[in-house]
Full PDB file with SEQRES, HELIX, SHEET, SSBOND, CRYST1, ORIGX, SCALE, CONECT and MASTER records, all heavy atoms in Angstrom:
SEQRES   1 A   40  ILE SER ARG ASP ASN GLU LYS ASN THR VAL LEU LEU GLN          
SEQRES   2 A   40  MET ASN SER LEU LYS VAL ASP ASP THR ALA VAL TYR TYR          
SEQRES   3 A   40  CYS ALA ALA ASP GLY GLY GLY ARG PHE TYR GLU ILE VAL          
SEQRES   4 A   40  VAL                                                          
HELIX    1 AA1 VAL A   19  ASP A   21  5                                   3    
SHEET    1 AA1 2 SER A   2  ASP A   4  0                                        
SHEET    2 AA1 2 THR A   9  LEU A  11 -1                                        
CRYST1    1.000    1.000    1.000  90.00  90.00  90.00 P 1           1          
ORIGX1      1.000000  0.000000  0.000000        0.00000                         
ORIGX2      0.000000  1.000000  0.000000        0.00000                         
ORIGX3      0.000000  0.000000  1.000000        0.00000                         
SCALE1      1.000000  0.000000  0.000000        0.00000                         
SCALE2      0.000000  1.000000  0.000000        0.00000                         
SCALE3      0.000000  0.000000  1.000000        0.00000                         
ATOM      1  N   ILE A   1    -180.462  85.905 -37.092  1.00  0.00           N  
ATOM      2  CA  ILE A   1    -181.424  84.804 -37.211  1.00  0.00           C  
ATOM      3  C   ILE A   1    -181.520  84.410 -38.680  1.00  0.00           C  
ATOM      4  O   ILE A   1    -181.616  85.263 -39.565  1.00  0.00           O  
ATOM      5  CB  ILE A   1    -182.807  85.219 -36.705  1.00  0.00           C  
ATOM      6  CG1 ILE A   1    -182.735  85.613 -35.224  1.00  0.00           C  
ATOM      7  CG2 ILE A   1    -183.804  84.081 -36.889  1.00  0.00           C  
ATOM      8  CD1 ILE A   1    -184.028  86.190 -34.683  1.00  0.00           C  
ATOM      9  N   SER A   2    -181.495  83.109 -38.913  1.00  0.00           N  
ATOM     10  CA  SER A   2    -181.662  82.605 -40.270  1.00  0.00           C  
ATOM     11  C   SER A   2    -182.565  81.386 -40.225  1.00  0.00           C  
ATOM     12  O   SER A   2    -182.786  80.803 -39.158  1.00  0.00           O  
ATOM     13  CB  SER A   2    -180.309  82.242 -40.881  1.00  0.00           C  
ATOM     14  OG  SER A   2    -179.662  81.228 -40.132  1.00  0.00           O  
ATOM     15  N   ARG A   3    -183.083  81.013 -41.373  1.00  0.00           N  
ATOM     16  CA  ARG A   3    -183.943  79.833 -41.420  1.00  0.00           C  
ATOM     17  C   ARG A   3    -183.682  79.078 -42.713  1.00  0.00           C  
ATOM     18  O   ARG A   3    -183.330  79.663 -43.739  1.00  0.00           O  
ATOM     19  CB  ARG A   3    -185.414  80.213 -41.289  1.00  0.00           C  
ATOM     20  CG  ARG A   3    -185.984  81.004 -42.449  1.00  0.00           C  
ATOM     21  CD  ARG A   3    -187.389  81.526 -42.116  1.00  0.00           C  
ATOM     22  NE  ARG A   3    -188.369  80.450 -42.028  1.00  0.00           N  
ATOM     23  CZ  ARG A   3    -189.541  80.589 -41.419  1.00  0.00           C  
ATOM     24  NH1 ARG A   3    -189.875  81.748 -40.844  1.00  0.00           N  
ATOM     25  NH2 ARG A   3    -190.393  79.587 -41.395  1.00  0.00           N  
ATOM     26  N   ASP A   4    -183.895  77.771 -42.619  1.00  0.00           N  
ATOM     27  CA  ASP A   4    -183.801  76.896 -43.782  1.00  0.00           C  
ATOM     28  C   ASP A   4    -185.152  76.218 -43.901  1.00  0.00           C  
ATOM     29  O   ASP A   4    -185.462  75.294 -43.138  1.00  0.00           O  
ATOM     30  CB  ASP A   4    -182.669  75.886 -43.592  1.00  0.00           C  
ATOM     31  CG  ASP A   4    -182.448  75.014 -44.817  1.00  0.00           C  
ATOM     32  OD1 ASP A   4    -183.398  74.811 -45.605  1.00  0.00           O  
ATOM     33  OD2 ASP A   4    -181.330  74.534 -44.981  1.00  0.00           O  
ATOM     34  N   ASN A   5    -185.944  76.683 -44.854  1.00  0.00           N  
ATOM     35  CA  ASN A   5    -187.308  76.173 -44.973  1.00  0.00           C  
ATOM     36  C   ASN A   5    -187.358  74.736 -45.490  1.00  0.00           C  
ATOM     37  O   ASN A   5    -188.389  74.074 -45.356  1.00  0.00           O  
ATOM     38  CB  ASN A   5    -188.138  77.089 -45.873  1.00  0.00           C  
ATOM     39  CG  ASN A   5    -188.453  78.411 -45.207  1.00  0.00           C  
ATOM     40  OD1 ASN A   5    -188.401  78.533 -43.980  1.00  0.00           O  
ATOM     41  ND2 ASN A   5    -188.766  79.415 -46.001  1.00  0.00           N  
ATOM     42  N   GLU A   6    -186.275  74.261 -46.068  1.00  0.00           N  
ATOM     43  CA  GLU A   6    -186.249  72.865 -46.516  1.00  0.00           C  
ATOM     44  C   GLU A   6    -185.923  71.922 -45.363  1.00  0.00           C  
ATOM     45  O   GLU A   6    -186.332  70.764 -45.371  1.00  0.00           O  
ATOM     46  CB  GLU A   6    -185.250  72.697 -47.644  1.00  0.00           C  
ATOM     47  CG  GLU A   6    -185.664  73.394 -48.945  1.00  0.00           C  
ATOM     48  CD  GLU A   6    -184.792  72.991 -50.123  1.00  0.00           C  
ATOM     49  OE1 GLU A   6    -183.871  72.171 -49.927  1.00  0.00           O  
ATOM     50  OE2 GLU A   6    -185.043  73.495 -51.224  1.00  0.00           O  
ATOM     51  N   LYS A   7    -185.190  72.439 -44.389  1.00  0.00           N  
ATOM     52  CA  LYS A   7    -184.793  71.610 -43.246  1.00  0.00           C  
ATOM     53  C   LYS A   7    -185.628  71.907 -42.003  1.00  0.00           C  
ATOM     54  O   LYS A   7    -185.351  71.368 -40.926  1.00  0.00           O  
ATOM     55  CB  LYS A   7    -183.311  71.809 -42.936  1.00  0.00           C  
ATOM     56  CG  LYS A   7    -182.386  71.344 -44.049  1.00  0.00           C  
ATOM     57  CD  LYS A   7    -180.931  71.539 -43.670  1.00  0.00           C  
ATOM     58  CE  LYS A   7    -180.009  71.036 -44.777  1.00  0.00           C  
ATOM     59  NZ  LYS A   7    -178.576  71.237 -44.437  1.00  0.00           N  
ATOM     60  N   ASN A   8    -186.624  72.801 -42.157  1.00  0.00           N  
ATOM     61  CA  ASN A   8    -187.490  73.161 -41.019  1.00  0.00           C  
ATOM     62  C   ASN A   8    -186.681  73.609 -39.807  1.00  0.00           C  
ATOM     63  O   ASN A   8    -186.988  73.242 -38.667  1.00  0.00           O  
ATOM     64  CB  ASN A   8    -188.397  71.994 -40.631  1.00  0.00           C  
ATOM     65  CG  ASN A   8    -189.449  71.699 -41.671  1.00  0.00           C  
ATOM     66  OD1 ASN A   8    -189.471  72.314 -42.744  1.00  0.00           O  
ATOM     67  ND2 ASN A   8    -190.324  70.758 -41.382  1.00  0.00           N  
ATOM     68  N   THR A   9    -185.665  74.404 -40.075  1.00  0.00           N  
ATOM     69  CA  THR A   9    -184.726  74.795 -39.028  1.00  0.00           C  
ATOM     70  C   THR A   9    -184.558  76.308 -38.991  1.00  0.00           C  
ATOM     71  O   THR A   9    -184.495  76.955 -40.037  1.00  0.00           O  
ATOM     72  CB  THR A   9    -183.355  74.146 -39.270  1.00  0.00           C  
ATOM     73  OG1 THR A   9    -183.506  72.726 -39.250  1.00  0.00           O  
ATOM     74  CG2 THR A   9    -182.365  74.565 -38.191  1.00  0.00           C  
ATOM     75  N   VAL A  10    -184.487  76.826 -37.787  1.00  0.00           N  
ATOM     76  CA  VAL A  10    -184.145  78.231 -37.598  1.00  0.00           C  
ATOM     77  C   VAL A  10    -182.929  78.293 -36.679  1.00  0.00           C  
ATOM     78  O   VAL A  10    -182.802  77.504 -35.736  1.00  0.00           O  
ATOM     79  CB  VAL A  10    -185.332  79.030 -37.019  1.00  0.00           C  
ATOM     80  CG1 VAL A  10    -185.763  78.508 -35.667  1.00  0.00           C  
ATOM     81  CG2 VAL A  10    -185.016  80.509 -36.954  1.00  0.00           C  
ATOM     82  N   LEU A  11    -182.014  79.196 -36.996  1.00  0.00           N  
ATOM     83  CA  LEU A  11    -180.772  79.351 -36.246  1.00  0.00           C  
ATOM     84  C   LEU A  11    -180.685  80.732 -35.624  1.00  0.00           C  
ATOM     85  O   LEU A  11    -181.166  81.706 -36.188  1.00  0.00           O  
ATOM     86  CB  LEU A  11    -179.570  79.147 -37.163  1.00  0.00           C  
ATOM     87  CG  LEU A  11    -179.459  77.815 -37.886  1.00  0.00           C  
ATOM     88  CD1 LEU A  11    -178.218  77.822 -38.785  1.00  0.00           C  
ATOM     89  CD2 LEU A  11    -179.391  76.666 -36.916  1.00  0.00           C  
ATOM     90  N   LEU A  12    -180.052  80.778 -34.480  1.00  0.00           N  
ATOM     91  CA  LEU A  12    -179.709  82.045 -33.840  1.00  0.00           C  
ATOM     92  C   LEU A  12    -178.199  82.059 -33.683  1.00  0.00           C  
ATOM     93  O   LEU A  12    -177.656  81.369 -32.815  1.00  0.00           O  
ATOM     94  CB  LEU A  12    -180.394  82.198 -32.486  1.00  0.00           C  
ATOM     95  CG  LEU A  12    -180.039  83.459 -31.707  1.00  0.00           C  
ATOM     96  CD1 LEU A  12    -180.503  84.704 -32.450  1.00  0.00           C  
ATOM     97  CD2 LEU A  12    -180.660  83.429 -30.297  1.00  0.00           C  
ATOM     98  N   GLN A  13    -177.541  82.819 -34.549  1.00  0.00           N  
ATOM     99  CA  GLN A  13    -176.100  82.972 -34.483  1.00  0.00           C  
ATOM    100  C   GLN A  13    -175.781  84.150 -33.575  1.00  0.00           C  
ATOM    101  O   GLN A  13    -176.221  85.274 -33.828  1.00  0.00           O  
ATOM    102  CB  GLN A  13    -175.519  83.224 -35.882  1.00  0.00           C  
ATOM    103  CG  GLN A  13    -174.039  83.621 -35.893  1.00  0.00           C  
ATOM    104  CD  GLN A  13    -173.130  82.477 -35.502  1.00  0.00           C  
ATOM    105  OE1 GLN A  13    -173.320  81.350 -35.932  1.00  0.00           O  
ATOM    106  NE2 GLN A  13    -172.131  82.771 -34.685  1.00  0.00           N  
ATOM    107  N   MET A  14    -175.025  83.887 -32.517  1.00  0.00           N  
ATOM    108  CA  MET A  14    -174.715  84.929 -31.534  1.00  0.00           C  
ATOM    109  C   MET A  14    -173.209  85.168 -31.511  1.00  0.00           C  
ATOM    110  O   MET A  14    -172.437  84.238 -31.252  1.00  0.00           O  
ATOM    111  CB  MET A  14    -175.197  84.498 -30.140  1.00  0.00           C  
ATOM    112  CG  MET A  14    -176.685  84.162 -30.118  1.00  0.00           C  
ATOM    113  SD  MET A  14    -177.280  83.739 -28.468  1.00  0.00           S  
ATOM    114  CE  MET A  14    -176.490  82.145 -28.245  1.00  0.00           C  
ATOM    115  N   ASN A  15    -172.812  86.376 -31.804  1.00  0.00           N  
ATOM    116  CA  ASN A  15    -171.404  86.765 -31.791  1.00  0.00           C  
ATOM    117  C   ASN A  15    -171.147  87.792 -30.696  1.00  0.00           C  
ATOM    118  O   ASN A  15    -172.082  88.432 -30.196  1.00  0.00           O  
ATOM    119  CB  ASN A  15    -171.020  87.355 -33.147  1.00  0.00           C  
ATOM    120  CG  ASN A  15    -171.147  86.365 -34.281  1.00  0.00           C  
ATOM    121  OD1 ASN A  15    -170.905  85.169 -34.112  1.00  0.00           O  
ATOM    122  ND2 ASN A  15    -171.530  86.854 -35.442  1.00  0.00           N  
ATOM    123  N   SER A  16    -169.894  87.932 -30.353  1.00  0.00           N  
ATOM    124  CA  SER A  16    -169.488  88.928 -29.339  1.00  0.00           C  
ATOM    125  C   SER A  16    -170.369  88.837 -28.100  1.00  0.00           C  
ATOM    126  O   SER A  16    -170.903  89.842 -27.615  1.00  0.00           O  
ATOM    127  CB  SER A  16    -169.560  90.335 -29.939  1.00  0.00           C  
ATOM    128  OG  SER A  16    -168.746  90.435 -31.089  1.00  0.00           O  
ATOM    129  N   LEU A  17    -170.507  87.645 -27.591  1.00  0.00           N  
ATOM    130  CA  LEU A  17    -171.404  87.433 -26.461  1.00  0.00           C  
ATOM    131  C   LEU A  17    -170.932  88.192 -25.222  1.00  0.00           C  
ATOM    132  O   LEU A  17    -169.729  88.338 -24.973  1.00  0.00           O  
ATOM    133  CB  LEU A  17    -171.524  85.948 -26.157  1.00  0.00           C  
ATOM    134  CG  LEU A  17    -172.474  85.193 -27.100  1.00  0.00           C  
ATOM    135  CD1 LEU A  17    -172.217  83.705 -27.056  1.00  0.00           C  
ATOM    136  CD2 LEU A  17    -173.910  85.500 -26.731  1.00  0.00           C  
ATOM    137  N   LYS A  18    -171.909  88.678 -24.472  1.00  0.00           N  
ATOM    138  CA  LYS A  18    -171.657  89.423 -23.252  1.00  0.00           C  
ATOM    139  C   LYS A  18    -172.232  88.664 -22.060  1.00  0.00           C  
ATOM    140  O   LYS A  18    -173.141  87.837 -22.216  1.00  0.00           O  
ATOM    141  CB  LYS A  18    -172.315  90.798 -23.333  1.00  0.00           C  
ATOM    142  CG  LYS A  18    -171.884  91.624 -24.540  1.00  0.00           C  
ATOM    143  CD  LYS A  18    -172.660  92.931 -24.603  1.00  0.00           C  
ATOM    144  CE  LYS A  18    -172.262  93.750 -25.821  1.00  0.00           C  
ATOM    145  NZ  LYS A  18    -173.017  95.025 -25.896  1.00  0.00           N  
ATOM    146  N   VAL A  19    -171.745  88.999 -20.886  1.00  0.00           N  
ATOM    147  CA  VAL A  19    -172.266  88.364 -19.674  1.00  0.00           C  
ATOM    148  C   VAL A  19    -173.774  88.587 -19.582  1.00  0.00           C  
ATOM    149  O   VAL A  19    -174.524  87.702 -19.166  1.00  0.00           O  
ATOM    150  CB  VAL A  19    -171.543  88.905 -18.430  1.00  0.00           C  
ATOM    151  CG1 VAL A  19    -172.202  88.404 -17.164  1.00  0.00           C  
ATOM    152  CG2 VAL A  19    -170.071  88.512 -18.467  1.00  0.00           C  
ATOM    153  N   ASP A  20    -174.231  89.764 -19.995  1.00  0.00           N  
ATOM    154  CA  ASP A  20    -175.660  90.087 -19.944  1.00  0.00           C  
ATOM    155  C   ASP A  20    -176.511  89.250 -20.890  1.00  0.00           C  
ATOM    156  O   ASP A  20    -177.739  89.293 -20.813  1.00  0.00           O  
ATOM    157  CB  ASP A  20    -175.877  91.573 -20.272  1.00  0.00           C  
ATOM    158  CG  ASP A  20    -175.463  92.481 -19.132  1.00  0.00           C  
ATOM    159  OD1 ASP A  20    -175.205  91.962 -18.024  1.00  0.00           O  
ATOM    160  OD2 ASP A  20    -175.377  93.706 -19.338  1.00  0.00           O  
ATOM    161  N   ASP A  21    -175.876  88.511 -21.795  1.00  0.00           N  
ATOM    162  CA  ASP A  21    -176.631  87.631 -22.687  1.00  0.00           C  
ATOM    163  C   ASP A  21    -176.983  86.301 -22.017  1.00  0.00           C  
ATOM    164  O   ASP A  21    -177.699  85.482 -22.601  1.00  0.00           O  
ATOM    165  CB  ASP A  21    -175.826  87.344 -23.958  1.00  0.00           C  
ATOM    166  CG  ASP A  21    -175.627  88.579 -24.817  1.00  0.00           C  
ATOM    167  OD1 ASP A  21    -176.566  89.381 -24.947  1.00  0.00           O  
ATOM    168  OD2 ASP A  21    -174.502  88.739 -25.361  1.00  0.00           O  
ATOM    169  N   THR A  22    -176.477  86.082 -20.820  1.00  0.00           N  
ATOM    170  CA  THR A  22    -176.779  84.856 -20.078  1.00  0.00           C  
ATOM    171  C   THR A  22    -178.274  84.741 -19.830  1.00  0.00           C  
ATOM    172  O   THR A  22    -178.903  85.648 -19.285  1.00  0.00           O  
ATOM    173  CB  THR A  22    -176.030  84.834 -18.736  1.00  0.00           C  
ATOM    174  OG1 THR A  22    -174.623  84.790 -19.002  1.00  0.00           O  
ATOM    175  CG2 THR A  22    -176.443  83.633 -17.905  1.00  0.00           C  
ATOM    176  N   ALA A  23    -178.858  83.629 -20.273  1.00  0.00           N  
ATOM    177  CA  ALA A  23    -180.299  83.430 -20.162  1.00  0.00           C  
ATOM    178  C   ALA A  23    -180.657  82.050 -20.686  1.00  0.00           C  
ATOM    179  O   ALA A  23    -179.830  81.377 -21.323  1.00  0.00           O  
ATOM    180  CB  ALA A  23    -181.056  84.491 -20.968  1.00  0.00           C  
ATOM    181  N   VAL A  24    -181.887  81.672 -20.434  1.00  0.00           N  
ATOM    182  CA  VAL A  24    -182.469  80.541 -21.146  1.00  0.00           C  
ATOM    183  C   VAL A  24    -183.084  81.095 -22.424  1.00  0.00           C  
ATOM    184  O   VAL A  24    -183.873  82.043 -22.378  1.00  0.00           O  
ATOM    185  CB  VAL A  24    -183.528  79.821 -20.308  1.00  0.00           C  
ATOM    186  CG1 VAL A  24    -184.162  78.689 -21.118  1.00  0.00           C  
ATOM    187  CG2 VAL A  24    -182.915  79.290 -19.016  1.00  0.00           C  
ATOM    188  N   TYR A  25    -182.714  80.515 -23.538  1.00  0.00           N  
ATOM    189  CA  TYR A  25    -183.183  80.969 -24.835  1.00  0.00           C  
ATOM    190  C   TYR A  25    -184.266  80.030 -25.357  1.00  0.00           C  
ATOM    191  O   TYR A  25    -184.113  78.807 -25.298  1.00  0.00           O  
ATOM    192  CB  TYR A  25    -182.024  81.036 -25.825  1.00  0.00           C  
ATOM    193  CG  TYR A  25    -181.139  82.234 -25.608  1.00  0.00           C  
ATOM    194  CD1 TYR A  25    -180.291  82.306 -24.506  1.00  0.00           C  
ATOM    195  CD2 TYR A  25    -181.167  83.312 -26.482  1.00  0.00           C  
ATOM    196  CE1 TYR A  25    -179.496  83.423 -24.286  1.00  0.00           C  
ATOM    197  CE2 TYR A  25    -180.369  84.431 -26.280  1.00  0.00           C  
ATOM    198  CZ  TYR A  25    -179.536  84.476 -25.184  1.00  0.00           C  
ATOM    199  OH  TYR A  25    -178.747  85.578 -24.965  1.00  0.00           O  
ATOM    200  N   TYR A  26    -185.315  80.635 -25.892  1.00  0.00           N  
ATOM    201  CA  TYR A  26    -186.444  79.879 -26.409  1.00  0.00           C  
ATOM    202  C   TYR A  26    -186.706  80.248 -27.863  1.00  0.00           C  
ATOM    203  O   TYR A  26    -186.688  81.431 -28.216  1.00  0.00           O  
ATOM    204  CB  TYR A  26    -187.713  80.190 -25.620  1.00  0.00           C  
ATOM    205  CG  TYR A  26    -187.661  79.834 -24.166  1.00  0.00           C  
ATOM    206  CD1 TYR A  26    -187.215  80.748 -23.210  1.00  0.00           C  
ATOM    207  CD2 TYR A  26    -188.071  78.573 -23.727  1.00  0.00           C  
ATOM    208  CE1 TYR A  26    -187.180  80.422 -21.865  1.00  0.00           C  
ATOM    209  CE2 TYR A  26    -188.042  78.239 -22.383  1.00  0.00           C  
ATOM    210  CZ  TYR A  26    -187.598  79.157 -21.463  1.00  0.00           C  
ATOM    211  OH  TYR A  26    -187.556  78.826 -20.132  1.00  0.00           O  
ATOM    212  N   CYS A  27    -186.968  79.235 -28.674  1.00  0.00           N  
ATOM    213  CA  CYS A  27    -187.513  79.528 -29.999  1.00  0.00           C  
ATOM    214  C   CYS A  27    -189.021  79.332 -29.935  1.00  0.00           C  
ATOM    215  O   CYS A  27    -189.533  78.586 -29.096  1.00  0.00           O  
ATOM    216  CB  CYS A  27    -186.888  78.660 -31.075  1.00  0.00           C  
ATOM    217  SG  CYS A  27    -187.234  76.907 -30.963  1.00  0.00           S  
ATOM    218  N   ALA A  28    -189.700  80.004 -30.829  1.00  0.00           N  
ATOM    219  CA  ALA A  28    -191.159  79.963 -30.827  1.00  0.00           C  
ATOM    220  C   ALA A  28    -191.680  80.127 -32.246  1.00  0.00           C  
ATOM    221  O   ALA A  28    -191.027  80.749 -33.092  1.00  0.00           O  
ATOM    222  CB  ALA A  28    -191.720  81.066 -29.928  1.00  0.00           C  
ATOM    223  N   ALA A  29    -192.857  79.572 -32.478  1.00  0.00           N  
ATOM    224  CA  ALA A  29    -193.465  79.615 -33.808  1.00  0.00           C  
ATOM    225  C   ALA A  29    -194.831  80.289 -33.741  1.00  0.00           C  
ATOM    226  O   ALA A  29    -195.652  79.964 -32.883  1.00  0.00           O  
ATOM    227  CB  ALA A  29    -193.610  78.202 -34.369  1.00  0.00           C  
ATOM    228  N   ASP A  30    -195.024  81.194 -34.669  1.00  0.00           N  
ATOM    229  CA  ASP A  30    -196.272  81.953 -34.755  1.00  0.00           C  
ATOM    230  C   ASP A  30    -196.888  81.714 -36.120  1.00  0.00           C  
ATOM    231  O   ASP A  30    -196.299  82.082 -37.130  1.00  0.00           O  
ATOM    232  CB  ASP A  30    -195.981  83.438 -34.532  1.00  0.00           C  
ATOM    233  CG  ASP A  30    -197.157  84.341 -34.866  1.00  0.00           C  
ATOM    234  OD1 ASP A  30    -198.288  83.835 -34.985  1.00  0.00           O  
ATOM    235  OD2 ASP A  30    -196.934  85.560 -35.001  1.00  0.00           O  
ATOM    236  N   GLY A  31    -198.058  81.119 -36.150  1.00  0.00           N  
ATOM    237  CA  GLY A  31    -198.727  80.844 -37.411  1.00  0.00           C  
ATOM    238  C   GLY A  31    -199.676  81.940 -37.848  1.00  0.00           C  
ATOM    239  O   GLY A  31    -200.388  81.787 -38.841  1.00  0.00           O  
ATOM    240  N   GLY A  32    -199.653  83.059 -37.130  1.00  0.00           N  
ATOM    241  CA  GLY A  32    -200.609  84.123 -37.416  1.00  0.00           C  
ATOM    242  C   GLY A  32    -200.332  84.906 -38.670  1.00  0.00           C  
ATOM    243  O   GLY A  32    -201.237  85.527 -39.228  1.00  0.00           O  
ATOM    244  N   GLY A  33    -199.070  84.913 -39.130  1.00  0.00           N  
ATOM    245  CA  GLY A  33    -198.775  85.536 -40.410  1.00  0.00           C  
ATOM    246  C   GLY A  33    -198.619  87.040 -40.411  1.00  0.00           C  
ATOM    247  O   GLY A  33    -198.441  87.650 -41.462  1.00  0.00           O  
ATOM    248  N   ARG A  34    -198.688  87.683 -39.267  1.00  0.00           N  
ATOM    249  CA  ARG A  34    -198.577  89.145 -39.231  1.00  0.00           C  
ATOM    250  C   ARG A  34    -197.165  89.532 -38.821  1.00  0.00           C  
ATOM    251  O   ARG A  34    -196.844  89.602 -37.640  1.00  0.00           O  
ATOM    252  CB  ARG A  34    -199.598  89.713 -38.249  1.00  0.00           C  
ATOM    253  CG  ARG A  34    -201.041  89.433 -38.615  1.00  0.00           C  
ATOM    254  CD  ARG A  34    -201.970  90.109 -37.630  1.00  0.00           C  
ATOM    255  NE  ARG A  34    -201.775  89.619 -36.273  1.00  0.00           N  
ATOM    256  CZ  ARG A  34    -202.211  90.247 -35.190  1.00  0.00           C  
ATOM    257  NH1 ARG A  34    -202.831  91.406 -35.316  1.00  0.00           N  
ATOM    258  NH2 ARG A  34    -202.031  89.725 -33.997  1.00  0.00           N  
ATOM    259  N   PHE A  35    -196.327  89.771 -39.827  1.00  0.00           N  
ATOM    260  CA  PHE A  35    -194.927  90.084 -39.535  1.00  0.00           C  
ATOM    261  C   PHE A  35    -194.741  91.586 -39.391  1.00  0.00           C  
ATOM    262  O   PHE A  35    -194.189  92.262 -40.269  1.00  0.00           O  
ATOM    263  CB  PHE A  35    -194.000  89.502 -40.603  1.00  0.00           C  
ATOM    264  CG  PHE A  35    -192.559  89.476 -40.171  1.00  0.00           C  
ATOM    265  CD1 PHE A  35    -192.138  88.600 -39.184  1.00  0.00           C  
ATOM    266  CD2 PHE A  35    -191.624  90.327 -40.733  1.00  0.00           C  
ATOM    267  CE1 PHE A  35    -190.822  88.576 -38.765  1.00  0.00           C  
ATOM    268  CE2 PHE A  35    -190.307  90.314 -40.327  1.00  0.00           C  
ATOM    269  CZ  PHE A  35    -189.905  89.431 -39.337  1.00  0.00           C  
ATOM    270  N   TYR A  36    -195.229  92.092 -38.277  1.00  0.00           N  
ATOM    271  CA  TYR A  36    -195.022  93.491 -37.907  1.00  0.00           C  
ATOM    272  C   TYR A  36    -194.259  93.504 -36.602  1.00  0.00           C  
ATOM    273  O   TYR A  36    -194.502  92.676 -35.729  1.00  0.00           O  
ATOM    274  CB  TYR A  36    -196.357  94.210 -37.739  1.00  0.00           C  
ATOM    275  CG  TYR A  36    -197.230  94.134 -38.955  1.00  0.00           C  
ATOM    276  CD1 TYR A  36    -198.399  93.382 -38.954  1.00  0.00           C  
ATOM    277  CD2 TYR A  36    -196.903  94.819 -40.123  1.00  0.00           C  
ATOM    278  CE1 TYR A  36    -199.205  93.306 -40.070  1.00  0.00           C  
ATOM    279  CE2 TYR A  36    -197.711  94.739 -41.251  1.00  0.00           C  
ATOM    280  CZ  TYR A  36    -198.855  93.988 -41.213  1.00  0.00           C  
ATOM    281  OH  TYR A  36    -199.649  93.912 -42.330  1.00  0.00           O  
ATOM    282  N   GLU A  37    -193.375  94.445 -36.455  1.00  0.00           N  
ATOM    283  CA  GLU A  37    -192.497  94.430 -35.284  1.00  0.00           C  
ATOM    284  C   GLU A  37    -193.285  94.445 -33.988  1.00  0.00           C  
ATOM    285  O   GLU A  37    -192.967  93.730 -33.040  1.00  0.00           O  
ATOM    286  CB  GLU A  37    -191.524  95.606 -35.331  1.00  0.00           C  
ATOM    287  CG  GLU A  37    -190.483  95.551 -34.209  1.00  0.00           C  
ATOM    288  CD  GLU A  37    -189.356  96.530 -34.395  1.00  0.00           C  
ATOM    289  OE1 GLU A  37    -189.430  97.373 -35.309  1.00  0.00           O  
ATOM    290  OE2 GLU A  37    -188.388  96.460 -33.610  1.00  0.00           O  
ATOM    291  N   ILE A  38    -194.318  95.261 -33.923  1.00  0.00           N  
ATOM    292  CA  ILE A  38    -195.091  95.338 -32.693  1.00  0.00           C  
ATOM    293  C   ILE A  38    -195.757  94.008 -32.371  1.00  0.00           C  
ATOM    294  O   ILE A  38    -195.998  93.684 -31.211  1.00  0.00           O  
ATOM    295  CB  ILE A  38    -196.133  96.471 -32.777  1.00  0.00           C  
ATOM    296  CG1 ILE A  38    -196.709  96.775 -31.399  1.00  0.00           C  
ATOM    297  CG2 ILE A  38    -197.235  96.135 -33.780  1.00  0.00           C  
ATOM    298  CD1 ILE A  38    -197.616  97.996 -31.360  1.00  0.00           C  
ATOM    299  N   VAL A  39    -196.042  93.221 -33.390  1.00  0.00           N  
ATOM    300  CA  VAL A  39    -196.701  91.934 -33.186  1.00  0.00           C  
ATOM    301  C   VAL A  39    -195.686  90.875 -32.774  1.00  0.00           C  
ATOM    302  O   VAL A  39    -195.889  90.154 -31.784  1.00  0.00           O  
ATOM    303  CB  VAL A  39    -197.457  91.495 -34.459  1.00  0.00           C  
ATOM    304  CG1 VAL A  39    -198.012  90.075 -34.295  1.00  0.00           C  
ATOM    305  CG2 VAL A  39    -198.577  92.476 -34.780  1.00  0.00           C  
ATOM    306  N   VAL A  40    -194.614  90.753 -33.509  1.00  0.00           N  
ATOM    307  CA  VAL A  40    -193.682  89.645 -33.278  1.00  0.00           C  
ATOM    308  C   VAL A  40    -192.938  89.786 -31.959  1.00  0.00           C  
ATOM    309  O   VAL A  40    -192.359  88.812 -31.469  1.00  0.00           O  
ATOM    310  CB  VAL A  40    -192.683  89.474 -34.440  1.00  0.00           C  
ATOM    311  CG1 VAL A  40    -193.430  89.195 -35.736  1.00  0.00           C  
ATOM    312  CG2 VAL A  40    -191.765  90.682 -34.581  1.00  0.00           C  
TER     313      VAL A  40                                                      
MASTER        0    0    0    1    2    0    0    6  312    1    0    4          
END                                                                             
């Protein structure tokens, strides 16, 4: 995952994709500011 704060863009680069990666993918924004693994 990467982000460009000037372009307001976040990317999800996926390599070595597997059949199990098949899904609908969603991006989401959290304005809460608590970047802890259990939270995010």
